[in-house]
């Protein structure tokens, strides 16, 4: 009977430890993916009118956007894809980008990875509109 009780206690403990290890691995992978995101400085005076698509990989967060630029102003940012965990609240960040006419805005508290990945996707899109 003691052996069965011991096994019944060890199984949940083992599962909890495994879940902790998996969560740690996913956290490390996400941090590495976000660290690889590079936002280049964008002078909106150099961005031509048009619609530009950009995407970014934040590990557990995947984002694809279309940015509309008219008269060197960000007119709209449409999120086509936002695969995320709990980062849905970050999507309001696009309103700030339009209002401030820049991709370089503050992240949404509690949705940092999604915010950073959306910012990077918009930056990637705007790079496509730079007059060269």
Foldseek 3Di string as FASTA:
>chain_A
DVVVVVVVVVVVVVVVVVVVVVVVVQVVQLVVQLVPQDFDDDDLCQFAFDKFWFWGDRRQWTWIWIWGDDPSATQFIGTPDIRHDPQPVQVCVRVVCRVVRALPDDTDPPNRSSNSRSSSRVSRRRVVRGDD
